[in-house]
Amino acid sequence: MADQRDRAHPIPDTYVFDGALSRRGYRLNKLCISLTTDEARGAFKADEAAYMARFGLTAEEQALVRARDFLGMIKAGANIYMLLKLGAATGIGLYEIGAQQRGETLDRFLATRNVGGAT
């Protein structure tokens, strides 16, 4: 199958989730997907540091999780669908994640939804 990405013309400020990025973000993604049960979410909320240690997160990855730096986690290889699990566990919704990734307030971000030509 042919590669469908045109690496000669990358889209600015985007991060293609490919095999290399996936491997780099394995620990973050593993932690995030684990948060699908009440028991896991409870353990995470009770002691985030201990929970992150179970997945072998690096100091940098732990800092990203503690800061709820979703753009940083994307750059570190986290998959957006996995990050939604972390967002749900911490009370941070999809639109809040999107606003953070664009460097906007939630109100500014919401103003661009359902608007023709929104970027």
PDB file of N, CA and C in Angstrom:
ATOM      1  N   MET A   1       0.844  -1.179   0.000  1.00  0.00           N
ATOM      2  CA  MET A   1       0.000   0.000   0.000  1.00  0.00           C
ATOM      3  C   MET A   1       0.891   1.244   0.000  1.00  0.00           C
ATOM      4  N   ALA A   2       0.539   2.213  -0.789  1.00  0.00           N
ATOM      5  CA  ALA A   2       1.331   3.438  -0.911  1.00  0.00           C
ATOM      6  C   ALA A   2       1.158   4.324   0.326  1.00  0.00           C
ATOM      7  N   ASP A   3       2.232   5.032   0.670  1.00  0.00           N
ATOM      8  CA  ASP A   3       2.189   5.988   1.769  1.00  0.00           C
ATOM      9  C   ASP A   3       1.322   7.168   1.332  1.00  0.00           C
ATOM     10  N   GLN A   4       0.281   7.467   2.104  1.00  0.00           N
ATOM     11  CA  GLN A   4      -0.657   8.521   1.716  1.00  0.00           C
ATOM     12  C   GLN A   4      -0.285   9.885   2.271  1.00  0.00           C
ATOM     13  N   ARG A   5       0.789   9.966   3.044  1.00  0.00           N
ATOM     14  CA  ARG A   5       1.214  11.251   3.581  1.00  0.00           C
ATOM     15  C   ARG A   5       2.202  11.898   2.627  1.00  0.00           C
ATOM     16  N   ASP A   6       2.034  13.158   2.392  1.00  0.00           N
ATOM     17  CA  ASP A   6       2.959  13.904   1.539  1.00  0.00           C
ATOM     18  C   ASP A   6       3.956  14.599   2.453  1.00  0.00           C
ATOM     19  N   ARG A   7       5.044  13.918   2.752  1.00  0.00           N
ATOM     20  CA  ARG A   7       6.034  14.467   3.685  1.00  0.00           C
ATOM     21  C   ARG A   7       6.742  15.690   3.114  1.00  0.00           C
ATOM     22  N   ALA A   8       6.626  15.927   1.826  1.00  0.00           N
ATOM     23  CA  ALA A   8       7.235  17.111   1.219  1.00  0.00           C
ATOM     24  C   ALA A   8       6.420  18.365   1.527  1.00  0.00           C
ATOM     25  N   HIS A   9       5.171  18.198   1.932  1.00  0.00           N
ATOM     26  CA  HIS A   9       4.290  19.327   2.226  1.00  0.00           C
ATOM     27  C   HIS A   9       3.566  19.087   3.547  1.00  0.00           C
ATOM     28  N   PRO A  10       4.306  19.112   4.657  1.00  0.00           N
ATOM     29  CA  PRO A  10       3.653  18.853   5.948  1.00  0.00           C
ATOM     30  C   PRO A  10       2.688  19.980   6.313  1.00  0.00           C
ATOM     31  N   ILE A  11       1.683  19.635   7.084  1.00  0.00           N
ATOM     32  CA  ILE A  11       0.729  20.622   7.575  1.00  0.00           C
ATOM     33  C   ILE A  11       1.326  21.223   8.849  1.00  0.00           C
ATOM     34  N   PRO A  12       1.504  22.543   8.874  1.00  0.00           N
ATOM     35  CA  PRO A  12       2.125  23.174  10.046  1.00  0.00           C
ATOM     36  C   PRO A  12       1.388  22.843  11.338  1.00  0.00           C
ATOM     37  N   ASP A  13       2.147  22.686  12.410  1.00  0.00           N
ATOM     38  CA  ASP A  13       1.612  22.455  13.754  1.00  0.00           C
ATOM     39  C   ASP A  13       0.764  21.193  13.871  1.00  0.00           C
ATOM     40  N   THR A  14       1.068  20.177  13.048  1.00  0.00           N
ATOM     41  CA  THR A  14       0.394  18.892  13.174  1.00  0.00           C
ATOM     42  C   THR A  14       1.433  17.827  13.481  1.00  0.00           C
ATOM     43  N   TYR A  15       0.973  16.749  14.069  1.00  0.00           N
ATOM     44  CA  TYR A  15       1.853  15.667  14.463  1.00  0.00           C
ATOM     45  C   TYR A  15       1.244  14.367  13.964  1.00  0.00           C
ATOM     46  N   VAL A  16       1.880  13.762  12.969  1.00  0.00           N
ATOM     47  CA  VAL A  16       1.371  12.530  12.383  1.00  0.00           C
ATOM     48  C   VAL A  16       1.653  11.386  13.351  1.00  0.00           C
ATOM     49  N   PHE A  17       0.595  10.713  13.751  1.00  0.00           N
ATOM     50  CA  PHE A  17       0.735   9.590  14.674  1.00  0.00           C
ATOM     51  C   PHE A  17       1.091   8.361  13.845  1.00  0.00           C
ATOM     52  N   ASP A  18       2.386   8.154  13.686  1.00  0.00           N
ATOM     53  CA  ASP A  18       2.865   7.022  12.900  1.00  0.00           C
ATOM     54  C   ASP A  18       3.522   6.005  13.834  1.00  0.00           C
ATOM     55  N   GLY A  19       4.125   4.990  13.259  1.00  0.00           N
ATOM     56  CA  GLY A  19       4.736   3.942  14.060  1.00  0.00           C
ATOM     57  C   GLY A  19       5.803   4.456  15.005  1.00  0.00           C
ATOM     58  N   ALA A  20       6.649   5.350  14.523  1.00  0.00           N
ATOM     59  CA  ALA A  20       7.732   5.868  15.359  1.00  0.00           C
ATOM     60  C   ALA A  20       7.182   6.652  16.552  1.00  0.00           C
ATOM     61  N   LEU A  21       6.200   7.497  16.303  1.00  0.00           N
ATOM     62  CA  LEU A  21       5.613   8.280  17.387  1.00  0.00           C
ATOM     63  C   LEU A  21       4.853   7.365  18.351  1.00  0.00           C
ATOM     64  N   SER A  22       4.201   6.358  17.810  1.00  0.00           N
ATOM     65  CA  SER A  22       3.482   5.397  18.635  1.00  0.00           C
ATOM     66  C   SER A  22       4.426   4.669  19.586  1.00  0.00           C
ATOM     67  N   ARG A  23       5.559   4.248  19.084  1.00  0.00           N
ATOM     68  CA  ARG A  23       6.532   3.561  19.944  1.00  0.00           C
ATOM     69  C   ARG A  23       7.050   4.493  21.038  1.00  0.00           C
ATOM     70  N   ARG A  24       7.283   5.752  20.683  1.00  0.00           N
ATOM     71  CA  ARG A  24       7.786   6.712  21.663  1.00  0.00           C
ATOM     72  C   ARG A  24       6.755   6.960  22.769  1.00  0.00           C
ATOM     73  N   GLY A  25       5.481   6.933  22.422  1.00  0.00           N
ATOM     74  CA  GLY A  25       4.433   7.218  23.382  1.00  0.00           C
ATOM     75  C   GLY A  25       3.817   5.997  24.040  1.00  0.00           C
ATOM     76  N   TYR A  26       4.456   4.849  23.873  1.00  0.00           N
ATOM     77  CA  TYR A  26       3.873   3.603  24.367  1.00  0.00           C
ATOM     78  C   TYR A  26       3.485   3.672  25.845  1.00  0.00           C
ATOM     79  N   ARG A  27       4.372   4.162  26.700  1.00  0.00           N
ATOM     80  CA  ARG A  27       4.093   4.195  28.137  1.00  0.00           C
ATOM     81  C   ARG A  27       2.898   5.108  28.449  1.00  0.00           C
ATOM     82  N   LEU A  28       2.863   6.279  27.818  1.00  0.00           N
ATOM     83  CA  LEU A  28       1.742   7.194  28.035  1.00  0.00           C
ATOM     84  C   LEU A  28       0.429   6.564  27.579  1.00  0.00           C
ATOM     85  N   ASN A  29       0.448   5.955  26.406  1.00  0.00           N
ATOM     86  CA  ASN A  29      -0.769   5.350  25.876  1.00  0.00           C
ATOM     87  C   ASN A  29      -1.230   4.183  26.740  1.00  0.00           C
ATOM     88  N   LYS A  30      -0.276   3.407  27.232  1.00  0.00           N
ATOM     89  CA  LYS A  30      -0.609   2.276  28.099  1.00  0.00           C
ATOM     90  C   LYS A  30      -1.270   2.781  29.384  1.00  0.00           C
ATOM     91  N   LEU A  31      -0.725   3.839  29.982  1.00  0.00           N
ATOM     92  CA  LEU A  31      -1.329   4.418  31.179  1.00  0.00           C
ATOM     93  C   LEU A  31      -2.740   4.900  30.873  1.00  0.00           C
ATOM     94  N   CYS A  32      -2.888   5.645  29.794  1.00  0.00           N
ATOM     95  CA  CYS A  32      -4.198   6.228  29.473  1.00  0.00           C
ATOM     96  C   CYS A  32      -5.256   5.153  29.235  1.00  0.00           C
ATOM     97  N   ILE A  33      -4.927   4.124  28.472  1.00  0.00           N
ATOM     98  CA  ILE A  33      -5.932   3.097  28.173  1.00  0.00           C
ATOM     99  C   ILE A  33      -6.303   2.321  29.428  1.00  0.00           C
ATOM    100  N   SER A  34      -5.404   2.293  30.409  1.00  0.00           N
ATOM    101  CA  SER A  34      -5.709   1.583  31.650  1.00  0.00           C
ATOM    102  C   SER A  34      -6.824   2.274  32.433  1.00  0.00           C
ATOM    103  N   LEU A  35      -7.074   3.543  32.139  1.00  0.00           N
ATOM    104  CA  LEU A  35      -8.033   4.327  32.918  1.00  0.00           C
ATOM    105  C   LEU A  35      -9.482   4.088  32.500  1.00  0.00           C
ATOM    106  N   THR A  36      -9.762   2.928  31.939  1.00  0.00           N
ATOM    107  CA  THR A  36     -11.127   2.624  31.495  1.00  0.00           C
ATOM    108  C   THR A  36     -11.971   1.959  32.570  1.00  0.00           C
ATOM    109  N   THR A  37     -11.379   1.650  33.711  1.00  0.00           N
ATOM    110  CA  THR A  37     -12.165   1.034  34.784  1.00  0.00           C
ATOM    111  C   THR A  37     -12.242   1.976  35.982  1.00  0.00           C
ATOM    112  N   ASP A  38     -13.313   1.832  36.734  1.00  0.00           N
ATOM    113  CA  ASP A  38     -13.476   2.646  37.947  1.00  0.00           C
ATOM    114  C   ASP A  38     -12.320   2.416  38.916  1.00  0.00           C
ATOM    115  N   GLU A  39     -11.905   1.166  39.036  1.00  0.00           N
ATOM    116  CA  GLU A  39     -10.821   0.825  39.964  1.00  0.00           C
ATOM    117  C   GLU A  39      -9.527   1.548  39.574  1.00  0.00           C
ATOM    118  N   ALA A  40      -9.206   1.539  38.281  1.00  0.00           N
ATOM    119  CA  ALA A  40      -7.978   2.191  37.811  1.00  0.00           C
ATOM    120  C   ALA A  40      -8.059   3.698  37.994  1.00  0.00           C
ATOM    121  N   ARG A  41      -9.204   4.283  37.683  1.00  0.00           N
ATOM    122  CA  ARG A  41      -9.358   5.733  37.863  1.00  0.00           C
ATOM    123  C   ARG A  41      -9.223   6.102  39.332  1.00  0.00           C
ATOM    124  N   GLY A  42      -9.775   5.282  40.202  1.00  0.00           N
ATOM    125  CA  GLY A  42      -9.652   5.524  41.637  1.00  0.00           C
ATOM    126  C   GLY A  42      -8.206   5.460  42.098  1.00  0.00           C
ATOM    127  N   ALA A  43      -7.475   4.469  41.601  1.00  0.00           N
ATOM    128  CA  ALA A  43      -6.057   4.326  41.973  1.00  0.00           C
ATOM    129  C   ALA A  43      -5.249   5.511  41.453  1.00  0.00           C
ATOM    130  N   PHE A  44      -5.547   5.955  40.251  1.00  0.00           N
ATOM    131  CA  PHE A  44      -4.847   7.107  39.671  1.00  0.00           C
ATOM    132  C   PHE A  44      -5.111   8.358  40.507  1.00  0.00           C
ATOM    133  N   LYS A  45      -6.362   8.585  40.844  1.00  0.00           N
ATOM    134  CA  LYS A  45      -6.717   9.776  41.614  1.00  0.00           C
ATOM    135  C   LYS A  45      -6.145   9.731  43.028  1.00  0.00           C
ATOM    136  N   ALA A  46      -6.055   8.539  43.593  1.00  0.00           N
ATOM    137  CA  ALA A  46      -5.550   8.395  44.967  1.00  0.00           C
ATOM    138  C   ALA A  46      -4.056   8.677  45.067  1.00  0.00           C
ATOM    139  N   ASP A  47      -3.289   8.266  44.027  1.00  0.00           N
ATOM    140  CA  ASP A  47      -1.837   8.447  44.074  1.00  0.00           C
ATOM    141  C   ASP A  47      -1.287   8.432  42.649  1.00  0.00           C
ATOM    142  N   GLU A  48      -1.330   9.597  42.023  1.00  0.00           N
ATOM    143  CA  GLU A  48      -0.899   9.694  40.628  1.00  0.00           C
ATOM    144  C   GLU A  48       0.542   9.232  40.441  1.00  0.00           C
ATOM    145  N   ALA A  49       1.420   9.611  41.343  1.00  0.00           N
ATOM    146  CA  ALA A  49       2.838   9.263  41.198  1.00  0.00           C
ATOM    147  C   ALA A  49       3.022   7.747  41.194  1.00  0.00           C
ATOM    148  N   ALA A  50       2.384   7.077  42.130  1.00  0.00           N
ATOM    149  CA  ALA A  50       2.509   5.616  42.197  1.00  0.00           C
ATOM    150  C   ALA A  50       1.891   4.968  40.967  1.00  0.00           C
ATOM    151  N   TYR A  51       0.785   5.508  40.518  1.00  0.00           N
ATOM    152  CA  TYR A  51       0.113   4.943  39.346  1.00  0.00           C
ATOM    153  C   TYR A  51       0.994   5.105  38.100  1.00  0.00           C
ATOM    154  N   MET A  52       1.596   6.274  37.937  1.00  0.00           N
ATOM    155  CA  MET A  52       2.469   6.501  36.787  1.00  0.00           C
ATOM    156  C   MET A  52       3.695   5.595  36.855  1.00  0.00           C
ATOM    157  N   ALA A  53       4.195   5.366  38.051  1.00  0.00           N
ATOM    158  CA  ALA A  53       5.377   4.506  38.216  1.00  0.00           C
ATOM    159  C   ALA A  53       5.090   3.086  37.735  1.00  0.00           C
ATOM    160  N   ARG A  54       3.849   2.634  37.889  1.00  0.00           N
ATOM    161  CA  ARG A  54       3.471   1.291  37.423  1.00  0.00           C
ATOM    162  C   ARG A  54       3.693   1.117  35.926  1.00  0.00           C
ATOM    163  N   PHE A  55       3.657   2.226  35.184  1.00  0.00           N
ATOM    164  CA  PHE A  55       3.796   2.164  33.734  1.00  0.00           C
ATOM    165  C   PHE A  55       5.174   2.610  33.256  1.00  0.00           C
ATOM    166  N   GLY A  56       6.056   2.890  34.199  1.00  0.00           N
ATOM    167  CA  GLY A  56       7.427   3.237  33.853  1.00  0.00           C
ATOM    168  C   GLY A  56       7.591   4.552  33.131  1.00  0.00           C
ATOM    169  N   LEU A  57       6.688   5.513  33.390  1.00  0.00           N
ATOM    170  CA  LEU A  57       6.798   6.805  32.724  1.00  0.00           C
ATOM    171  C   LEU A  57       8.106   7.484  33.104  1.00  0.00           C
ATOM    172  N   THR A  58       8.708   8.146  32.130  1.00  0.00           N
ATOM    173  CA  THR A  58       9.913   8.925  32.398  1.00  0.00           C
ATOM    174  C   THR A  58       9.532  10.150  33.225  1.00  0.00           C
ATOM    175  N   ALA A  59      10.527  10.821  33.765  1.00  0.00           N
ATOM    176  CA  ALA A  59      10.267  12.049  34.534  1.00  0.00           C
ATOM    177  C   ALA A  59       9.564  13.085  33.663  1.00  0.00           C
ATOM    178  N   GLU A  60       9.967  13.181  32.401  1.00  0.00           N
ATOM    179  CA  GLU A  60       9.353  14.144  31.484  1.00  0.00           C
ATOM    180  C   GLU A  60       7.887  13.785  31.228  1.00  0.00           C
ATOM    181  N   GLU A  61       7.609  12.498  31.029  1.00  0.00           N
ATOM    182  CA  GLU A  61       6.230  12.067  30.783  1.00  0.00           C
ATOM    183  C   GLU A  61       5.372  12.306  32.023  1.00  0.00           C
ATOM    184  N   GLN A  62       5.935  12.036  33.191  1.00  0.00           N
ATOM    185  CA  GLN A  62       5.204  12.275  34.432  1.00  0.00           C
ATOM    186  C   GLN A  62       4.867  13.755  34.583  1.00  0.00           C
ATOM    187  N   ALA A  63       5.809  14.608  34.238  1.00  0.00           N
ATOM    188  CA  ALA A  63       5.569  16.057  34.325  1.00  0.00           C
ATOM    189  C   ALA A  63       4.444  16.479  33.384  1.00  0.00           C
ATOM    190  N   LEU A  64       4.406  15.899  32.191  1.00  0.00           N
ATOM    191  CA  LEU A  64       3.340  16.217  31.241  1.00  0.00           C
ATOM    192  C   LEU A  64       1.981  15.806  31.786  1.00  0.00           C
ATOM    193  N   VAL A  65       1.916  14.630  32.383  1.00  0.00           N
ATOM    194  CA  VAL A  65       0.647  14.150  32.954  1.00  0.00           C
ATOM    195  C   VAL A  65       0.228  15.031  34.118  1.00  0.00           C
ATOM    196  N   ARG A  66       1.156  15.318  35.025  1.00  0.00           N
ATOM    197  CA  ARG A  66       0.826  16.167  36.181  1.00  0.00           C
ATOM    198  C   ARG A  66       0.327  17.541  35.739  1.00  0.00           C
ATOM    199  N   ALA A  67       0.935  18.086  34.688  1.00  0.00           N
ATOM    200  CA  ALA A  67       0.557  19.417  34.196  1.00  0.00           C
ATOM    201  C   ALA A  67      -0.691  19.382  33.320  1.00  0.00           C
ATOM    202  N   ARG A  68      -1.153  18.165  33.003  1.00  0.00           N
ATOM    203  CA  ARG A  68      -2.277  17.992  32.069  1.00  0.00           C
ATOM    204  C   ARG A  68      -1.960  18.718  30.756  1.00  0.00           C
ATOM    205  N   ASP A  69      -0.708  18.556  30.331  1.00  0.00           N
ATOM    206  CA  ASP A  69      -0.216  19.176  29.102  1.00  0.00           C
ATOM    207  C   ASP A  69      -0.524  18.238  27.931  1.00  0.00           C
ATOM    208  N   PHE A  70      -1.727  18.364  27.389  1.00  0.00           N
ATOM    209  CA  PHE A  70      -2.179  17.448  26.351  1.00  0.00           C
ATOM    210  C   PHE A  70      -1.406  17.623  25.045  1.00  0.00           C
ATOM    211  N   LEU A  71      -1.059  18.842  24.693  1.00  0.00           N
ATOM    212  CA  LEU A  71      -0.244  19.044  23.490  1.00  0.00           C
ATOM    213  C   LEU A  71       1.139  18.429  23.687  1.00  0.00           C
ATOM    214  N   GLY A  72       1.715  18.625  24.855  1.00  0.00           N
ATOM    215  CA  GLY A  72       3.008  18.014  25.148  1.00  0.00           C
ATOM    216  C   GLY A  72       2.947  16.501  25.060  1.00  0.00           C
ATOM    217  N   MET A  73       1.847  15.928  25.540  1.00  0.00           N
ATOM    218  CA  MET A  73       1.702  14.471  25.470  1.00  0.00           C
ATOM    219  C   MET A  73       1.543  14.001  24.028  1.00  0.00           C
ATOM    220  N   ILE A  74       0.844  14.778  23.206  1.00  0.00           N
ATOM    221  CA  ILE A  74       0.730  14.442  21.772  1.00  0.00           C
ATOM    222  C   ILE A  74       2.122  14.432  21.157  1.00  0.00           C
ATOM    223  N   LYS A  75       2.899  15.464  21.429  1.00  0.00           N
ATOM    224  CA  LYS A  75       4.257  15.547  20.890  1.00  0.00           C
ATOM    225  C   LYS A  75       5.131  14.404  21.391  1.00  0.00           C
ATOM    226  N   ALA A  76       4.831  13.905  22.597  1.00  0.00           N
ATOM    227  CA  ALA A  76       5.599  12.811  23.187  1.00  0.00           C
ATOM    228  C   ALA A  76       5.122  11.445  22.691  1.00  0.00           C
ATOM    229  N   GLY A  77       4.075  11.439  21.858  1.00  0.00           N
ATOM    230  CA  GLY A  77       3.628  10.180  21.261  1.00  0.00           C
ATOM    231  C   GLY A  77       2.310   9.647  21.754  1.00  0.00           C
ATOM    232  N   ALA A  78       1.605  10.396  22.577  1.00  0.00           N
ATOM    233  CA  ALA A  78       0.297   9.935  23.034  1.00  0.00           C
ATOM    234  C   ALA A  78      -0.711  10.075  21.898  1.00  0.00           C
ATOM    235  N   ASN A  79      -1.602   9.130  21.831  1.00  0.00           N
ATOM    236  CA  ASN A  79      -2.673   9.128  20.839  1.00  0.00           C
ATOM    237  C   ASN A  79      -3.864   9.887  21.416  1.00  0.00           C
ATOM    238  N   ILE A  80      -4.497  10.721  20.614  1.00  0.00           N
ATOM    239  CA  ILE A  80      -5.604  11.544  21.108  1.00  0.00           C
ATOM    240  C   ILE A  80      -6.716  10.689  21.697  1.00  0.00           C
ATOM    241  N   TYR A  81      -6.963   9.522  21.125  1.00  0.00           N
ATOM    242  CA  TYR A  81      -8.028   8.668  21.646  1.00  0.00           C
ATOM    243  C   TYR A  81      -7.673   8.115  23.020  1.00  0.00           C
ATOM    244  N   MET A  82      -6.403   7.894  23.262  1.00  0.00           N
ATOM    245  CA  MET A  82      -5.966   7.465  24.587  1.00  0.00           C
ATOM    246  C   MET A  82      -6.045   8.629  25.564  1.00  0.00           C
ATOM    247  N   LEU A  83      -5.680   9.816  25.103  1.00  0.00           N
ATOM    248  CA  LEU A  83      -5.716  10.998  25.970  1.00  0.00           C
ATOM    249  C   LEU A  83      -7.128  11.314  26.439  1.00  0.00           C
ATOM    250  N   LEU A  84      -8.117  10.938  25.656  1.00  0.00           N
ATOM    251  CA  LEU A  84      -9.496  11.161  26.082  1.00  0.00           C
ATOM    252  C   LEU A  84      -9.808  10.379  27.352  1.00  0.00           C
ATOM    253  N   LYS A  85      -9.164   9.234  27.533  1.00  0.00           N
ATOM    254  CA  LYS A  85      -9.343   8.448  28.761  1.00  0.00           C
ATOM    255  C   LYS A  85      -8.776   9.218  29.959  1.00  0.00           C
ATOM    256  N   LEU A  86      -7.604   9.820  29.771  1.00  0.00           N
ATOM    257  CA  LEU A  86      -7.012  10.628  30.836  1.00  0.00           C
ATOM    258  C   LEU A  86      -7.884  11.853  31.107  1.00  0.00           C
ATOM    259  N   GLY A  87      -8.367  12.472  30.049  1.00  0.00           N
ATOM    260  CA  GLY A  87      -9.250  13.620  30.217  1.00  0.00           C
ATOM    261  C   GLY A  87     -10.502  13.263  31.004  1.00  0.00           C
ATOM    262  N   ALA A  88     -11.097  12.137  30.671  1.00  0.00           N
ATOM    263  CA  ALA A  88     -12.307  11.709  31.380  1.00  0.00           C
ATOM    264  C   ALA A  88     -12.006  11.426  32.854  1.00  0.00           C
ATOM    265  N   ALA A  89     -10.858  10.839  33.114  1.00  0.00           N
ATOM    266  CA  ALA A  89     -10.485  10.511  34.501  1.00  0.00           C
ATOM    267  C   ALA A  89     -10.188  11.754  35.326  1.00  0.00           C
ATOM    268  N   THR A  90      -9.817  12.837  34.661  1.00  0.00           N
ATOM    269  CA  THR A  90      -9.441  14.057  35.381  1.00  0.00           C
ATOM    270  C   THR A  90     -10.453  15.191  35.209  1.00  0.00           C
ATOM    271  N   GLY A  91     -11.556  14.900  34.535  1.00  0.00           N
ATOM    272  CA  GLY A  91     -12.600  15.906  34.365  1.00  0.00           C
ATOM    273  C   GLY A  91     -12.295  16.945  33.307  1.00  0.00           C
ATOM    274  N   ILE A  92     -11.426  16.610  32.363  1.00  0.00           N
ATOM    275  CA  ILE A  92     -11.074  17.543  31.290  1.00  0.00           C
ATOM    276  C   ILE A  92     -11.664  17.003  29.993  1.00  0.00           C
ATOM    277  N   GLY A  93     -12.586  17.752  29.404  1.00  0.00           N
ATOM    278  CA  GLY A  93     -13.302  17.299  28.231  1.00  0.00           C
ATOM    279  C   GLY A  93     -12.561  17.549  26.920  1.00  0.00           C
ATOM    280  N   LEU A  94     -13.111  16.973  25.867  1.00  0.00           N
ATOM    281  CA  LEU A  94     -12.519  17.064  24.534  1.00  0.00           C
ATOM    282  C   LEU A  94     -12.304  18.514  24.095  1.00  0.00           C
ATOM    283  N   TYR A  95     -13.285  19.366  24.305  1.00  0.00           N
ATOM    284  CA  TYR A  95     -13.141  20.749  23.858  1.00  0.00           C
ATOM    285  C   TYR A  95     -12.082  21.494  24.677  1.00  0.00           C
ATOM    286  N   GLU A  96     -11.967  21.171  25.943  1.00  0.00           N
ATOM    287  CA  GLU A  96     -10.910  21.786  26.759  1.00  0.00           C
ATOM    288  C   GLU A  96      -9.534  21.338  26.268  1.00  0.00           C
ATOM    289  N   ILE A  97      -9.428  20.072  25.906  1.00  0.00           N
ATOM    290  CA  ILE A  97      -8.171  19.559  25.350  1.00  0.00           C
ATOM    291  C   ILE A  97      -7.866  20.269  24.039  1.00  0.00           C
ATOM    292  N   GLY A  98      -8.863  20.402  23.179  1.00  0.00           N
ATOM    293  CA  GLY A  98      -8.676  21.088  21.897  1.00  0.00           C
ATOM    294  C   GLY A  98      -8.264  22.537  22.078  1.00  0.00           C
ATOM    295  N   ALA A  99      -8.890  23.223  22.999  1.00  0.00           N
ATOM    296  CA  ALA A  99      -8.546  24.625  23.254  1.00  0.00           C
ATOM    297  C   ALA A  99      -7.105  24.734  23.724  1.00  0.00           C
ATOM    298  N   GLN A 100      -6.714  23.855  24.638  1.00  0.00           N
ATOM    299  CA  GLN A 100      -5.341  23.876  25.139  1.00  0.00           C
ATOM    300  C   GLN A 100      -4.353  23.636  24.002  1.00  0.00           C
ATOM    301  N   GLN A 101      -4.657  22.679  23.148  1.00  0.00           N
ATOM    302  CA  GLN A 101      -3.744  22.357  22.059  1.00  0.00           C
ATOM    303  C   GLN A 101      -3.616  23.509  21.069  1.00  0.00           C
ATOM    304  N   ARG A 102      -4.641  24.306  20.941  1.00  0.00           N
ATOM    305  CA  ARG A 102      -4.575  25.465  20.047  1.00  0.00           C
ATOM    306  C   ARG A 102      -4.094  26.716  20.755  1.00  0.00           C
ATOM    307  N   GLY A 103      -3.885  26.648  22.057  1.00  0.00           N
ATOM    308  CA  GLY A 103      -3.423  27.814  22.800  1.00  0.00           C
ATOM    309  C   GLY A 103      -4.496  28.867  22.951  1.00  0.00           C
ATOM    310  N   GLU A 104      -5.744  28.430  23.081  1.00  0.00           N
ATOM    311  CA  GLU A 104      -6.874  29.348  23.175  1.00  0.00           C
ATOM    312  C   GLU A 104      -7.636  29.112  24.476  1.00  0.00           C
ATOM    313  N   THR A 105      -8.429  30.092  24.843  1.00  0.00           N
ATOM    314  CA  THR A 105      -9.363  29.880  25.946  1.00  0.00           C
ATOM    315  C   THR A 105     -10.464  28.955  25.443  1.00  0.00           C
ATOM    316  N   LEU A 106     -11.152  28.338  26.372  1.00  0.00           N
ATOM    317  CA  LEU A 106     -12.255  27.466  25.982  1.00  0.00           C
ATOM    318  C   LEU A 106     -13.327  28.252  25.236  1.00  0.00           C
ATOM    319  N   ASP A 107     -13.643  29.467  25.704  1.00  0.00           N
ATOM    320  CA  ASP A 107     -14.657  30.277  25.024  1.00  0.00           C
ATOM    321  C   ASP A 107     -14.254  30.603  23.592  1.00  0.00           C
ATOM    322  N   ARG A 108     -12.990  30.966  23.390  1.00  0.00           N
ATOM    323  CA  ARG A 108     -12.506  31.275  22.039  1.00  0.00           C
ATOM    324  C   ARG A 108     -12.569  30.034  21.151  1.00  0.00           C
ATOM    325  N   PHE A 109     -12.173  28.904  21.687  1.00  0.00           N
ATOM    326  CA  PHE A 109     -12.219  27.659  20.942  1.00  0.00           C
ATOM    327  C   PHE A 109     -13.658  27.311  20.564  1.00  0.00           C
ATOM    328  N   LEU A 110     -14.570  27.421  21.523  1.00  0.00           N
ATOM    329  CA  LEU A 110     -15.955  27.088  21.236  1.00  0.00           C
ATOM    330  C   LEU A 110     -16.562  28.000  20.180  1.00  0.00           C
ATOM    331  N   ALA A 111     -16.092  29.232  20.109  1.00  0.00           N
ATOM    332  CA  ALA A 111     -16.603  30.171  19.111  1.00  0.00           C
ATOM    333  C   ALA A 111     -16.251  29.728  17.698  1.00  0.00           C
ATOM    334  N   THR A 112     -15.258  28.859  17.553  1.00  0.00           N
ATOM    335  CA  THR A 112     -14.873  28.395  16.206  1.00  0.00           C
ATOM    336  C   THR A 112     -15.577  27.103  15.807  1.00  0.00           C
ATOM    337  N   ARG A 113     -16.327  26.497  16.689  1.00  0.00           N
ATOM    338  CA  ARG A 113     -17.001  25.251  16.368  1.00  0.00           C
ATOM    339  C   ARG A 113     -18.220  25.528  15.503  1.00  0.00           C
ATOM    340  N   ASN A 114     -18.459  24.690  14.556  1.00  0.00           N
ATOM    341  CA  ASN A 114     -19.600  24.785  13.635  1.00  0.00           C
ATOM    342  C   ASN A 114     -19.611  26.093  12.854  1.00  0.00           C
ATOM    343  N   VAL A 115     -18.440  26.623  12.604  1.00  0.00           N
ATOM    344  CA  VAL A 115     -18.310  27.831  11.807  1.00  0.00           C
ATOM    345  C   VAL A 115     -17.617  27.433  10.515  1.00  0.00           C
ATOM    346  N   GLY A 116     -18.224  27.721   9.372  1.00  0.00           N
ATOM    347  CA  GLY A 116     -17.606  27.379   8.095  1.00  0.00           C
ATOM    348  C   GLY A 116     -16.228  27.968   7.967  1.00  0.00           C
ATOM    349  N   GLY A 117     -15.253  27.144   7.559  1.00  0.00           N
ATOM    350  CA  GLY A 117     -13.898  27.617   7.368  1.00  0.00           C
ATOM    351  C   GLY A 117     -13.089  27.756   8.634  1.00  0.00           C
ATOM    352  N   ALA A 118     -13.616  27.268   9.754  1.00  0.00           N
ATOM    353  CA  ALA A 118     -12.875  27.369  11.023  1.00  0.00           C
ATOM    354  C   ALA A 118     -11.570  26.612  10.927  1.00  0.00           C
ATOM    355  N   THR A 119     -10.528  27.184  11.513  1.00  0.00           N
ATOM    356  CA  THR A 119      -9.232  26.506  11.513  1.00  0.00           C
ATOM    357  C   THR A 119      -8.800  26.177  12.917  1.00  0.00           C
TER     358      THR A 119
END
